[in-house]
Amino acid sequence: MRPQPPSSMFDGINPPAFAPAEDMPDWVEATFLDRASPVHNPDHAHLAHADIGFLWTTFGNSKKGRRVVGQCETGSPHGTMGKWSRARAEMQVKQWFGHVPDFIITLDADYCRECGDAEFMALVEHELYHAAQDADAFGAPKFSRSTGRPVFVIRGHDVEEFVGVVRRYGADAVGVRAMVDAANQKPEIARVQIAHACGTCQLKVA
């Protein structure tokens, strides 16, 4: 049975906006990382060595007019922060998890208690695909020289992530049905490399 947000987040006068999802790590391990699981995904093999903390939240979030129902971040505070701000943020993380994990995945509690099993699993896997192991200059998995542990980073949306989730849950579960339908149609102009005419892609190549 999949994890559910605690009822305490929806009851009372002043319920918590965030709460640790303490049963999520074991569920992810048993569902996606365990080779004996019927839905095991080898794409996440590197996460067997990762420490991932999960949070439920009832705090609404949106970006460019679209609802955000999940987010994966590194556990350590990031961005431009002063020493006090960073220390305060790290203290909060330690209060939730007892330590600073490699990644923190935050899930919309309202969405997760209403969605179906396939949508929930697709959401969690989508966020797991963002939790990546860094690569060295030769493209090999990178490890810390001081600790020997994998060096973890956040991976942005890419083709590999979309292919992995669509392969397992279908285009509708991850909201890319229109893209898949378009790809199955005959090109309106020509079957060419559009990247050569895209300024953003050119910047990535440069």
N, C-alpha and C. Protein backbone atom coordinates (compact mmCIF):
# COMPACT_ATOMS: atom_id res chain seq x y z
N MET A 1 0.85 -1.20 0.00
CA MET A 1 0.00 0.00 0.00
C MET A 1 0.88 1.25 0.00
N ARG A 2 0.54 2.20 -0.84
CA ARG A 2 1.39 3.38 -0.98
C ARG A 2 1.24 4.31 0.23
N PRO A 3 2.27 5.10 0.51
CA PRO A 3 2.20 6.07 1.62
C PRO A 3 1.14 7.13 1.37
N GLN A 4 0.59 7.64 2.46
CA GLN A 4 -0.42 8.69 2.40
C GLN A 4 -0.04 9.83 3.35
N PRO A 5 -0.39 11.07 3.00
CA PRO A 5 -0.14 12.19 3.92
C PRO A 5 -0.92 11.98 5.21
N PRO A 6 -0.38 12.39 6.35
CA PRO A 6 -1.10 12.21 7.61
C PRO A 6 -2.35 13.09 7.67
N SER A 7 -3.38 12.57 8.30
CA SER A 7 -4.64 13.32 8.41
C SER A 7 -4.46 14.60 9.21
N SER A 8 -3.45 14.65 10.06
CA SER A 8 -3.21 15.84 10.88
C SER A 8 -2.90 17.07 10.04
N MET A 9 -2.49 16.87 8.76
CA MET A 9 -2.19 18.00 7.90
C MET A 9 -3.45 18.67 7.39
N PHE A 10 -4.60 18.01 7.55
CA PHE A 10 -5.84 18.53 7.00
C PHE A 10 -6.88 18.84 8.08
N ASP A 11 -6.53 18.52 9.31
CA ASP A 11 -7.47 18.73 10.42
C ASP A 11 -6.96 19.81 11.36
N GLY A 12 -7.85 20.32 12.19
CA GLY A 12 -7.45 21.28 13.21
C GLY A 12 -7.45 22.71 12.72
N ILE A 13 -7.16 23.61 13.63
CA ILE A 13 -7.18 25.04 13.33
C ILE A 13 -5.91 25.49 12.63
N ASN A 14 -4.78 24.96 13.06
CA ASN A 14 -3.50 25.40 12.50
C ASN A 14 -2.63 24.19 12.18
N PRO A 15 -3.01 23.40 11.15
CA PRO A 15 -2.24 22.18 10.81
C PRO A 15 -0.89 22.56 10.21
N PRO A 16 0.10 21.68 10.30
CA PRO A 16 1.43 21.96 9.73
C PRO A 16 1.38 22.03 8.22
N ALA A 17 2.14 22.97 7.65
CA ALA A 17 2.20 23.10 6.19
C ALA A 17 3.17 22.09 5.58
N PHE A 18 4.11 21.60 6.39
CA PHE A 18 5.08 20.60 5.93
C PHE A 18 5.19 19.51 6.99
N ALA A 19 5.38 18.28 6.55
CA ALA A 19 5.56 17.16 7.47
C ALA A 19 6.43 16.11 6.79
N PRO A 20 7.41 15.55 7.51
CA PRO A 20 8.23 14.49 6.92
C PRO A 20 7.39 13.28 6.52
N ALA A 21 7.65 12.76 5.34
CA ALA A 21 6.98 11.54 4.86
C ALA A 21 7.87 10.37 5.23
N GLU A 22 7.77 9.94 6.46
CA GLU A 22 8.74 9.00 7.03
C GLU A 22 8.69 7.62 6.39
N ASP A 23 7.56 7.24 5.81
CA ASP A 23 7.46 5.91 5.21
C ASP A 23 7.83 5.90 3.72
N MET A 24 8.10 7.07 3.14
CA MET A 24 8.41 7.13 1.72
C MET A 24 9.74 6.46 1.36
N PRO A 25 10.84 6.68 2.11
CA PRO A 25 12.10 6.04 1.70
C PRO A 25 12.01 4.52 1.60
N ASP A 26 11.38 3.88 2.58
CA ASP A 26 11.25 2.42 2.53
C ASP A 26 10.37 1.99 1.36
N TRP A 27 9.30 2.77 1.08
CA TRP A 27 8.42 2.44 -0.03
C TRP A 27 9.15 2.56 -1.36
N VAL A 28 9.94 3.63 -1.51
CA VAL A 28 10.72 3.82 -2.75
C VAL A 28 11.73 2.68 -2.91
N GLU A 29 12.39 2.32 -1.83
CA GLU A 29 13.35 1.21 -1.87
C GLU A 29 12.68 -0.08 -2.31
N ALA A 30 11.55 -0.41 -1.70
CA ALA A 30 10.87 -1.66 -2.00
C ALA A 30 10.21 -1.65 -3.38
N THR A 31 9.79 -0.47 -3.84
CA THR A 31 9.03 -0.39 -5.09
C THR A 31 9.91 -0.24 -6.32
N PHE A 32 10.90 0.66 -6.25
CA PHE A 32 11.67 0.99 -7.45
C PHE A 32 13.12 0.51 -7.43
N LEU A 33 13.70 0.33 -6.24
CA LEU A 33 15.13 -0.01 -6.16
C LEU A 33 15.38 -1.50 -5.95
N ASP A 34 14.46 -2.18 -5.30
CA ASP A 34 14.61 -3.61 -5.05
C ASP A 34 14.44 -4.38 -6.36
N ARG A 35 15.45 -5.15 -6.73
CA ARG A 35 15.40 -5.89 -8.00
C ARG A 35 14.29 -6.92 -8.04
N ALA A 36 13.82 -7.32 -6.88
CA ALA A 36 12.73 -8.31 -6.84
C ALA A 36 11.36 -7.69 -7.05
N SER A 37 11.29 -6.36 -7.04
CA SER A 37 10.01 -5.69 -7.23
C SER A 37 9.55 -5.82 -8.68
N PRO A 38 8.26 -6.04 -8.91
CA PRO A 38 7.76 -6.14 -10.29
C PRO A 38 7.84 -4.83 -11.06
N VAL A 39 8.02 -3.70 -10.36
CA VAL A 39 8.15 -2.40 -11.04
C VAL A 39 9.53 -1.80 -10.78
N HIS A 40 10.51 -2.66 -10.50
CA HIS A 40 11.89 -2.20 -10.32
C HIS A 40 12.36 -1.42 -11.54
N ASN A 41 13.09 -0.33 -11.30
CA ASN A 41 13.58 0.49 -12.40
C ASN A 41 15.10 0.64 -12.29
N PRO A 42 15.87 0.00 -13.17
CA PRO A 42 17.33 0.08 -13.11
C PRO A 42 17.88 1.49 -13.34
N ASP A 43 17.04 2.38 -13.90
CA ASP A 43 17.50 3.76 -14.10
C ASP A 43 17.84 4.44 -12.77
N HIS A 44 17.29 3.93 -11.67
CA HIS A 44 17.52 4.54 -10.36
C HIS A 44 18.56 3.79 -9.54
N ALA A 45 19.34 2.94 -10.16
CA ALA A 45 20.28 2.11 -9.42
C ALA A 45 21.24 2.94 -8.57
N HIS A 46 21.66 4.10 -9.07
CA HIS A 46 22.61 4.93 -8.33
C HIS A 46 22.03 5.45 -7.02
N LEU A 47 20.71 5.46 -6.91
CA LEU A 47 20.07 6.00 -5.70
C LEU A 47 20.09 5.01 -4.54
N ALA A 48 20.58 3.80 -4.78
CA ALA A 48 20.73 2.85 -3.69
C ALA A 48 21.70 3.38 -2.64
N HIS A 49 22.57 4.29 -3.05
CA HIS A 49 23.57 4.87 -2.14
C HIS A 49 23.20 6.29 -1.73
N ALA A 50 22.01 6.75 -2.11
CA ALA A 50 21.60 8.12 -1.81
C ALA A 50 20.70 8.16 -0.58
N ASP A 51 20.82 9.24 0.16
CA ASP A 51 19.96 9.47 1.32
C ASP A 51 18.92 10.51 0.89
N ILE A 52 17.66 10.08 0.76
CA ILE A 52 16.61 10.96 0.27
C ILE A 52 15.58 11.19 1.36
N GLY A 53 15.33 12.45 1.68
CA GLY A 53 14.27 12.81 2.61
C GLY A 53 13.04 13.25 1.84
N PHE A 54 11.87 12.86 2.31
CA PHE A 54 10.62 13.23 1.65
C PHE A 54 9.77 14.09 2.57
N LEU A 55 9.11 15.07 1.97
CA LEU A 55 8.20 15.94 2.70
C LEU A 55 6.83 15.97 2.04
N TRP A 56 5.78 15.96 2.86
CA TRP A 56 4.44 16.31 2.39
C TRP A 56 4.25 17.80 2.62
N THR A 57 3.50 18.45 1.76
CA THR A 57 3.15 19.85 1.99
C THR A 57 1.74 20.14 1.53
N THR A 58 1.07 21.02 2.28
CA THR A 58 -0.25 21.52 1.88
C THR A 58 -0.13 22.96 1.38
N PHE A 59 1.10 23.43 1.29
CA PHE A 59 1.36 24.80 0.84
C PHE A 59 1.33 24.82 -0.69
N GLY A 60 0.39 25.55 -1.27
CA GLY A 60 0.24 25.58 -2.72
C GLY A 60 1.44 26.19 -3.42
N ASN A 61 1.73 25.68 -4.61
CA ASN A 61 2.86 26.18 -5.39
C ASN A 61 2.50 26.13 -6.87
N SER A 62 2.93 27.12 -7.61
CA SER A 62 2.69 27.15 -9.05
C SER A 62 3.85 27.84 -9.75
N LYS A 63 4.01 27.53 -11.02
CA LYS A 63 5.07 28.14 -11.82
C LYS A 63 4.53 28.35 -13.23
N LYS A 64 4.58 29.58 -13.68
CA LYS A 64 4.08 29.94 -15.00
C LYS A 64 2.62 29.51 -15.19
N GLY A 65 1.86 29.68 -14.12
CA GLY A 65 0.43 29.38 -14.19
C GLY A 65 0.08 27.91 -14.05
N ARG A 66 1.06 27.04 -13.82
CA ARG A 66 0.80 25.61 -13.70
C ARG A 66 1.08 25.15 -12.28
N ARG A 67 0.21 24.31 -11.78
CA ARG A 67 0.36 23.79 -10.42
C ARG A 67 1.60 22.92 -10.30
N VAL A 68 2.35 23.10 -9.24
CA VAL A 68 3.52 22.28 -8.95
C VAL A 68 3.12 21.26 -7.89
N VAL A 69 3.29 19.97 -8.18
CA VAL A 69 2.90 18.93 -7.23
C VAL A 69 4.09 18.13 -6.71
N GLY A 70 5.28 18.43 -7.20
CA GLY A 70 6.47 17.74 -6.71
C GLY A 70 7.71 18.53 -7.03
N GLN A 71 8.73 18.37 -6.20
CA GLN A 71 9.99 19.08 -6.42
C GLN A 71 11.13 18.32 -5.76
N CYS A 72 12.22 18.18 -6.48
CA CYS A 72 13.42 17.53 -5.96
C CYS A 72 14.53 18.56 -5.84
N GLU A 73 15.16 18.61 -4.68
CA GLU A 73 16.24 19.55 -4.42
C GLU A 73 17.37 18.84 -3.69
N THR A 74 18.56 19.44 -3.71
CA THR A 74 19.63 18.91 -2.88
C THR A 74 19.29 19.22 -1.43
N GLY A 75 19.75 18.37 -0.52
CA GLY A 75 19.42 18.54 0.89
C GLY A 75 20.06 19.77 1.50
N SER A 76 21.28 20.08 1.11
CA SER A 76 21.96 21.25 1.64
C SER A 76 21.33 22.52 1.08
N PRO A 77 21.16 23.55 1.90
CA PRO A 77 20.62 24.82 1.40
C PRO A 77 21.46 25.32 0.23
N HIS A 78 20.81 25.87 -0.77
CA HIS A 78 21.52 26.32 -1.95
C HIS A 78 21.06 27.72 -2.33
N GLY A 79 21.74 28.30 -3.29
CA GLY A 79 21.41 29.65 -3.71
C GLY A 79 22.18 30.68 -2.90
N THR A 80 21.91 31.94 -3.17
CA THR A 80 22.59 33.03 -2.49
C THR A 80 21.96 33.23 -1.11
N MET A 81 22.69 32.84 -0.08
CA MET A 81 22.19 32.95 1.29
C MET A 81 23.31 33.43 2.20
N GLY A 82 22.92 34.24 3.20
CA GLY A 82 23.88 34.64 4.20
C GLY A 82 24.14 33.50 5.17
N LYS A 83 25.13 33.66 6.04
CA LYS A 83 25.49 32.59 6.97
C LYS A 83 24.33 32.24 7.90
N TRP A 84 23.62 33.25 8.41
CA TRP A 84 22.50 32.99 9.31
C TRP A 84 21.35 32.31 8.58
N SER A 85 21.07 32.81 7.38
CA SER A 85 19.98 32.21 6.59
C SER A 85 20.28 30.75 6.28
N ARG A 86 21.52 30.46 5.90
CA ARG A 86 21.90 29.09 5.59
C ARG A 86 21.83 28.20 6.83
N ALA A 87 22.33 28.73 7.96
CA ALA A 87 22.31 27.96 9.20
C ALA A 87 20.87 27.69 9.65
N ARG A 88 20.00 28.69 9.48
CA ARG A 88 18.60 28.54 9.87
C ARG A 88 17.90 27.48 9.00
N ALA A 89 18.18 27.52 7.69
CA ALA A 89 17.58 26.55 6.77
C ALA A 89 18.10 25.15 7.07
N GLU A 90 19.38 25.02 7.37
CA GLU A 90 19.95 23.71 7.67
C GLU A 90 19.39 23.17 8.98
N MET A 91 19.16 24.05 9.96
CA MET A 91 18.58 23.63 11.23
C MET A 91 17.18 23.07 11.02
N GLN A 92 16.40 23.69 10.14
CA GLN A 92 15.05 23.22 9.86
C GLN A 92 15.09 21.82 9.23
N VAL A 93 16.01 21.63 8.29
CA VAL A 93 16.16 20.33 7.65
C VAL A 93 16.51 19.26 8.68
N LYS A 94 17.41 19.59 9.60
CA LYS A 94 17.81 18.63 10.63
C LYS A 94 16.66 18.33 11.58
N GLN A 95 15.79 19.32 11.83
CA GLN A 95 14.62 19.07 12.67
C GLN A 95 13.66 18.10 12.01
N TRP A 96 13.57 18.15 10.69
CA TRP A 96 12.70 17.23 9.96
C TRP A 96 13.27 15.82 9.90
N PHE A 97 14.57 15.72 9.56
CA PHE A 97 15.15 14.42 9.24
C PHE A 97 16.23 13.94 10.21
N GLY A 98 16.67 14.81 11.11
CA GLY A 98 17.74 14.43 12.04
C GLY A 98 19.12 14.63 11.47
N HIS A 99 19.21 14.95 10.20
CA HIS A 99 20.48 15.17 9.51
C HIS A 99 20.15 15.85 8.18
N VAL A 100 21.17 16.14 7.39
CA VAL A 100 20.95 16.74 6.07
C VAL A 100 21.08 15.65 5.01
N PRO A 101 19.98 15.26 4.36
CA PRO A 101 20.04 14.19 3.35
C PRO A 101 20.67 14.70 2.05
N ASP A 102 20.94 13.77 1.15
CA ASP A 102 21.49 14.15 -0.16
C ASP A 102 20.46 14.91 -0.99
N PHE A 103 19.21 14.46 -0.93
CA PHE A 103 18.13 15.09 -1.66
C PHE A 103 16.91 15.24 -0.75
N ILE A 104 16.09 16.23 -1.07
CA ILE A 104 14.78 16.38 -0.44
C ILE A 104 13.74 16.43 -1.55
N ILE A 105 12.77 15.54 -1.50
CA ILE A 105 11.68 15.54 -2.47
C ILE A 105 10.41 15.96 -1.75
N THR A 106 9.81 17.05 -2.20
CA THR A 106 8.59 17.58 -1.60
C THR A 106 7.41 17.24 -2.48
N LEU A 107 6.35 16.71 -1.87
CA LEU A 107 5.17 16.27 -2.61
C LEU A 107 3.93 17.00 -2.12
N ASP A 108 3.09 17.42 -3.05
CA ASP A 108 1.83 18.10 -2.73
C ASP A 108 0.89 17.10 -2.07
N ALA A 109 0.61 17.31 -0.79
CA ALA A 109 -0.21 16.36 -0.02
C ALA A 109 -1.64 16.27 -0.55
N ASP A 110 -2.21 17.41 -0.95
CA ASP A 110 -3.58 17.40 -1.48
C ASP A 110 -3.67 16.57 -2.75
N TYR A 111 -2.70 16.75 -3.64
CA TYR A 111 -2.69 15.99 -4.89
C TYR A 111 -2.47 14.51 -4.62
N CYS A 112 -1.52 14.20 -3.73
CA CYS A 112 -1.15 12.80 -3.51
C CYS A 112 -2.25 11.99 -2.83
N ARG A 113 -3.11 12.62 -2.05
CA ARG A 113 -4.18 11.84 -1.42
C ARG A 113 -5.38 11.66 -2.34
N GLU A 114 -5.39 12.35 -3.47
CA GLU A 114 -6.51 12.26 -4.41
C GLU A 114 -6.17 11.50 -5.68
N CYS A 115 -4.91 11.50 -6.10
CA CYS A 115 -4.54 10.91 -7.39
C CYS A 115 -4.54 9.39 -7.32
N GLY A 116 -4.56 8.76 -8.49
CA GLY A 116 -4.50 7.31 -8.57
C GLY A 116 -3.10 6.78 -8.35
N ASP A 117 -2.98 5.46 -8.23
CA ASP A 117 -1.69 4.85 -7.96
C ASP A 117 -0.68 5.12 -9.08
N ALA A 118 -1.12 5.02 -10.33
CA ALA A 118 -0.20 5.24 -11.45
C ALA A 118 0.30 6.68 -11.47
N GLU A 119 -0.59 7.64 -11.21
CA GLU A 119 -0.18 9.05 -11.19
C GLU A 119 0.79 9.30 -10.04
N PHE A 120 0.54 8.68 -8.89
CA PHE A 120 1.43 8.86 -7.74
C PHE A 120 2.81 8.29 -8.04
N MET A 121 2.85 7.10 -8.59
CA MET A 121 4.12 6.48 -8.90
C MET A 121 4.87 7.26 -9.97
N ALA A 122 4.14 7.76 -10.96
CA ALA A 122 4.78 8.57 -12.02
C ALA A 122 5.36 9.84 -11.44
N LEU A 123 4.64 10.48 -10.50
CA LEU A 123 5.14 11.70 -9.86
C LEU A 123 6.43 11.42 -9.10
N VAL A 124 6.42 10.37 -8.30
CA VAL A 124 7.61 10.05 -7.50
C VAL A 124 8.79 9.71 -8.41
N GLU A 125 8.55 8.92 -9.45
CA GLU A 125 9.64 8.58 -10.35
C GLU A 125 10.15 9.80 -11.12
N HIS A 126 9.24 10.68 -11.48
CA HIS A 126 9.64 11.92 -12.15
C HIS A 126 10.65 12.66 -11.28
N GLU A 127 10.35 12.78 -9.99
CA GLU A 127 11.27 13.48 -9.09
C GLU A 127 12.56 12.68 -8.89
N LEU A 128 12.46 11.36 -8.84
CA LEU A 128 13.67 10.54 -8.70
C LEU A 128 14.60 10.71 -9.88
N TYR A 129 14.04 10.92 -11.07
CA TYR A 129 14.89 11.12 -12.24
C TYR A 129 15.71 12.41 -12.13
N HIS A 130 15.24 13.35 -11.33
CA HIS A 130 16.01 14.57 -11.12
C HIS A 130 17.19 14.34 -10.17
N ALA A 131 17.13 13.29 -9.36
CA ALA A 131 18.18 12.99 -8.39
C ALA A 131 19.25 12.15 -9.09
N ALA A 132 20.33 12.80 -9.48
CA ALA A 132 21.33 12.14 -10.33
C ALA A 132 22.70 12.09 -9.66
N GLN A 133 23.50 11.19 -10.14
CA GLN A 133 24.91 11.15 -9.73
C GLN A 133 25.72 11.92 -10.76
N ASP A 134 26.59 12.77 -10.27
CA ASP A 134 27.41 13.59 -11.16
C ASP A 134 28.37 12.70 -11.96
N ALA A 135 28.86 13.23 -13.07
CA ALA A 135 29.80 12.50 -13.92
C ALA A 135 31.13 13.26 -13.98
N ASP A 136 32.21 12.50 -14.13
CA ASP A 136 33.51 13.15 -14.24
C ASP A 136 33.76 13.58 -15.68
N ALA A 137 34.96 14.05 -15.97
CA ALA A 137 35.28 14.58 -17.29
C ALA A 137 35.17 13.53 -18.39
N PHE A 138 35.20 12.26 -18.00
CA PHE A 138 35.13 11.18 -18.99
C PHE A 138 33.73 10.56 -19.06
N GLY A 139 32.79 11.14 -18.32
CA GLY A 139 31.43 10.65 -18.34
C GLY A 139 31.16 9.50 -17.39
N ALA A 140 32.14 9.14 -16.58
CA ALA A 140 31.96 8.06 -15.61
C ALA A 140 31.34 8.61 -14.32
N PRO A 141 30.64 7.78 -13.56
CA PRO A 141 30.05 8.25 -12.29
C PRO A 141 31.12 8.86 -11.39
N LYS A 142 30.79 9.98 -10.78
CA LYS A 142 31.76 10.72 -9.97
C LYS A 142 31.60 10.39 -8.49
N PHE A 143 32.74 10.22 -7.82
CA PHE A 143 32.75 9.92 -6.39
C PHE A 143 33.63 10.95 -5.67
N SER A 144 33.29 11.20 -4.42
CA SER A 144 34.05 12.15 -3.61
C SER A 144 35.39 11.55 -3.24
N ARG A 145 36.46 12.32 -3.42
CA ARG A 145 37.79 11.83 -3.05
C ARG A 145 37.94 11.70 -1.55
N SER A 146 37.23 12.55 -0.80
CA SER A 146 37.39 12.55 0.66
C SER A 146 36.56 11.48 1.36
N THR A 147 35.37 11.20 0.84
CA THR A 147 34.48 10.24 1.50
C THR A 147 34.29 8.94 0.72
N GLY A 148 34.55 8.98 -0.57
CA GLY A 148 34.31 7.81 -1.40
C GLY A 148 32.86 7.63 -1.80
N ARG A 149 31.98 8.52 -1.31
CA ARG A 149 30.56 8.43 -1.63
C ARG A 149 30.29 9.05 -3.00
N PRO A 150 29.19 8.65 -3.65
CA PRO A 150 28.82 9.29 -4.92
C PRO A 150 28.60 10.79 -4.73
N VAL A 151 28.90 11.54 -5.76
CA VAL A 151 28.62 12.98 -5.77
C VAL A 151 27.28 13.16 -6.46
N PHE A 152 26.31 13.67 -5.72
CA PHE A 152 24.96 13.79 -6.26
C PHE A 152 24.66 15.21 -6.71
N VAL A 153 23.86 15.33 -7.77
CA VAL A 153 23.47 16.62 -8.33
C VAL A 153 22.02 16.54 -8.79
N ILE A 154 21.45 17.69 -9.06
CA ILE A 154 20.11 17.76 -9.63
C ILE A 154 20.23 17.77 -11.15
N ARG A 155 19.49 16.89 -11.80
CA ARG A 155 19.46 16.84 -13.26
C ARG A 155 18.19 17.50 -13.75
N GLY A 156 18.30 18.38 -14.73
CA GLY A 156 17.14 19.06 -15.27
C GLY A 156 16.31 18.14 -16.13
N HIS A 157 15.16 18.65 -16.60
CA HIS A 157 14.32 17.88 -17.51
C HIS A 157 15.11 17.57 -18.77
N ASP A 158 15.10 16.31 -19.16
CA ASP A 158 15.79 15.94 -20.40
C ASP A 158 15.04 14.80 -21.07
N VAL A 159 15.51 14.42 -22.25
CA VAL A 159 14.83 13.39 -23.03
C VAL A 159 14.83 12.06 -22.28
N GLU A 160 15.94 11.74 -21.59
CA GLU A 160 16.03 10.46 -20.88
C GLU A 160 14.95 10.36 -19.82
N GLU A 161 14.72 11.45 -19.09
CA GLU A 161 13.70 11.43 -18.04
C GLU A 161 12.32 11.22 -18.63
N PHE A 162 12.00 11.94 -19.72
CA PHE A 162 10.68 11.80 -20.32
C PHE A 162 10.49 10.39 -20.89
N VAL A 163 11.53 9.86 -21.54
CA VAL A 163 11.43 8.52 -22.11
C VAL A 163 11.20 7.50 -21.01
N GLY A 164 11.93 7.62 -19.90
CA GLY A 164 11.79 6.67 -18.81
C GLY A 164 10.41 6.67 -18.20
N VAL A 165 9.85 7.84 -17.92
CA VAL A 165 8.53 7.91 -17.30
C VAL A 165 7.44 7.52 -18.29
N VAL A 166 7.53 7.97 -19.54
CA VAL A 166 6.51 7.62 -20.54
C VAL A 166 6.53 6.12 -20.81
N ARG A 167 7.73 5.53 -20.84
CA ARG A 167 7.84 4.09 -21.08
C ARG A 167 7.11 3.29 -20.02
N ARG A 168 7.13 3.79 -18.78
CA ARG A 168 6.56 3.03 -17.66
C ARG A 168 5.10 3.36 -17.39
N TYR A 169 4.68 4.62 -17.64
CA TYR A 169 3.33 5.03 -17.25
C TYR A 169 2.48 5.55 -18.40
N GLY A 170 3.08 5.75 -19.57
CA GLY A 170 2.32 6.25 -20.69
C GLY A 170 2.34 7.77 -20.75
N ALA A 171 2.00 8.31 -21.90
CA ALA A 171 2.07 9.75 -22.13
C ALA A 171 1.07 10.53 -21.30
N ASP A 172 -0.12 9.96 -21.07
CA ASP A 172 -1.16 10.68 -20.34
C ASP A 172 -0.79 10.91 -18.88
N ALA A 173 -0.10 9.96 -18.27
CA ALA A 173 0.23 10.06 -16.85
C ALA A 173 1.20 11.20 -16.56
N VAL A 174 1.99 11.60 -17.56
CA VAL A 174 2.96 12.65 -17.32
C VAL A 174 2.70 13.90 -18.16
N GLY A 175 1.53 13.96 -18.78
CA GLY A 175 1.12 15.18 -19.46
C GLY A 175 1.87 15.51 -20.73
N VAL A 176 2.33 14.48 -21.45
CA VAL A 176 3.03 14.76 -22.70
C VAL A 176 2.33 14.08 -23.88
N ARG A 177 1.02 13.80 -23.75
CA ARG A 177 0.28 13.15 -24.82
C ARG A 177 0.36 13.95 -26.12
N ALA A 178 0.21 15.27 -26.02
CA ALA A 178 0.24 16.10 -27.24
C ALA A 178 1.59 15.97 -27.95
N MET A 179 2.67 15.93 -27.16
CA MET A 179 4.00 15.80 -27.76
C MET A 179 4.16 14.44 -28.44
N VAL A 180 3.67 13.38 -27.80
CA VAL A 180 3.78 12.05 -28.38
C VAL A 180 2.94 11.94 -29.64
N ASP A 181 1.71 12.47 -29.60
CA ASP A 181 0.85 12.44 -30.79
C ASP A 181 1.50 13.20 -31.95
N ALA A 182 2.10 14.34 -31.64
CA ALA A 182 2.76 15.13 -32.69
C ALA A 182 3.93 14.37 -33.29
N ALA A 183 4.67 13.66 -32.45
CA ALA A 183 5.83 12.90 -32.93
C ALA A 183 5.42 11.75 -33.83
N ASN A 184 4.20 11.25 -33.64
CA ASN A 184 3.72 10.12 -34.45
C ASN A 184 3.13 10.57 -35.78
N GLN A 185 2.97 11.88 -35.97
CA GLN A 185 2.42 12.40 -37.22
C GLN A 185 3.52 12.69 -38.24
N LYS A 186 3.13 12.76 -39.49
CA LYS A 186 4.07 13.15 -40.53
C LYS A 186 4.47 14.61 -40.31
N PRO A 187 5.77 14.94 -40.39
CA PRO A 187 6.21 16.32 -40.17
C PRO A 187 5.51 17.29 -41.12
N GLU A 188 5.09 18.45 -40.60
CA GLU A 188 4.42 19.45 -41.43
C GLU A 188 5.40 20.14 -42.37
N ILE A 189 6.66 20.23 -41.96
CA ILE A 189 7.64 20.94 -42.80
C ILE A 189 8.65 19.96 -43.36
N ALA A 190 9.48 19.39 -42.52
CA ALA A 190 10.48 18.43 -42.99
C ALA A 190 11.06 17.71 -41.79
N ARG A 191 11.59 16.53 -42.02
CA ARG A 191 12.21 15.76 -40.94
C ARG A 191 13.66 16.22 -40.82
N VAL A 192 13.84 17.31 -40.11
CA VAL A 192 15.17 17.91 -40.00
C VAL A 192 15.52 18.13 -38.54
N GLN A 193 16.76 18.52 -38.30
CA GLN A 193 17.22 18.84 -36.96
C GLN A 193 16.84 20.28 -36.64
N ILE A 194 15.73 20.47 -35.89
CA ILE A 194 15.25 21.80 -35.54
C ILE A 194 16.25 22.52 -34.63
N ALA A 195 17.06 21.76 -33.90
CA ALA A 195 17.99 22.37 -32.94
C ALA A 195 18.91 23.38 -33.62
N HIS A 196 19.21 23.17 -34.90
CA HIS A 196 20.12 24.08 -35.58
C HIS A 196 19.50 25.47 -35.78
N ALA A 197 18.17 25.57 -35.66
CA ALA A 197 17.50 26.86 -35.82
C ALA A 197 17.02 27.43 -34.50
N CYS A 198 17.45 26.82 -33.38
CA CYS A 198 17.00 27.26 -32.06
C CYS A 198 18.13 27.96 -31.33
N GLY A 199 17.87 29.21 -30.94
CA GLY A 199 18.90 29.97 -30.23
C GLY A 199 19.30 29.35 -28.91
N THR A 200 18.32 28.79 -28.18
CA THR A 200 18.63 28.19 -26.89
C THR A 200 19.51 26.96 -27.07
N CYS A 201 19.19 26.13 -28.06
CA CYS A 201 20.01 24.95 -28.30
C CYS A 201 21.42 25.33 -28.75
N GLN A 202 21.51 26.40 -29.50
CA GLN A 202 22.82 26.86 -29.94
C GLN A 202 23.65 27.29 -28.74
N LEU A 203 23.00 27.93 -27.74
CA LEU A 203 23.73 28.36 -26.54
C LEU A 203 24.25 27.15 -25.79
N LYS A 204 23.47 26.06 -25.77
CA LYS A 204 23.89 24.86 -25.07
C LYS A 204 25.08 24.21 -25.75
N VAL A 205 25.11 24.34 -27.09
CA VAL A 205 26.21 23.74 -27.85
C VAL A 205 27.47 24.56 -27.70
N ALA A 206 27.31 25.89 -27.62
CA ALA A 206 28.47 26.77 -27.58
C ALA A 206 29.33 26.54 -26.34
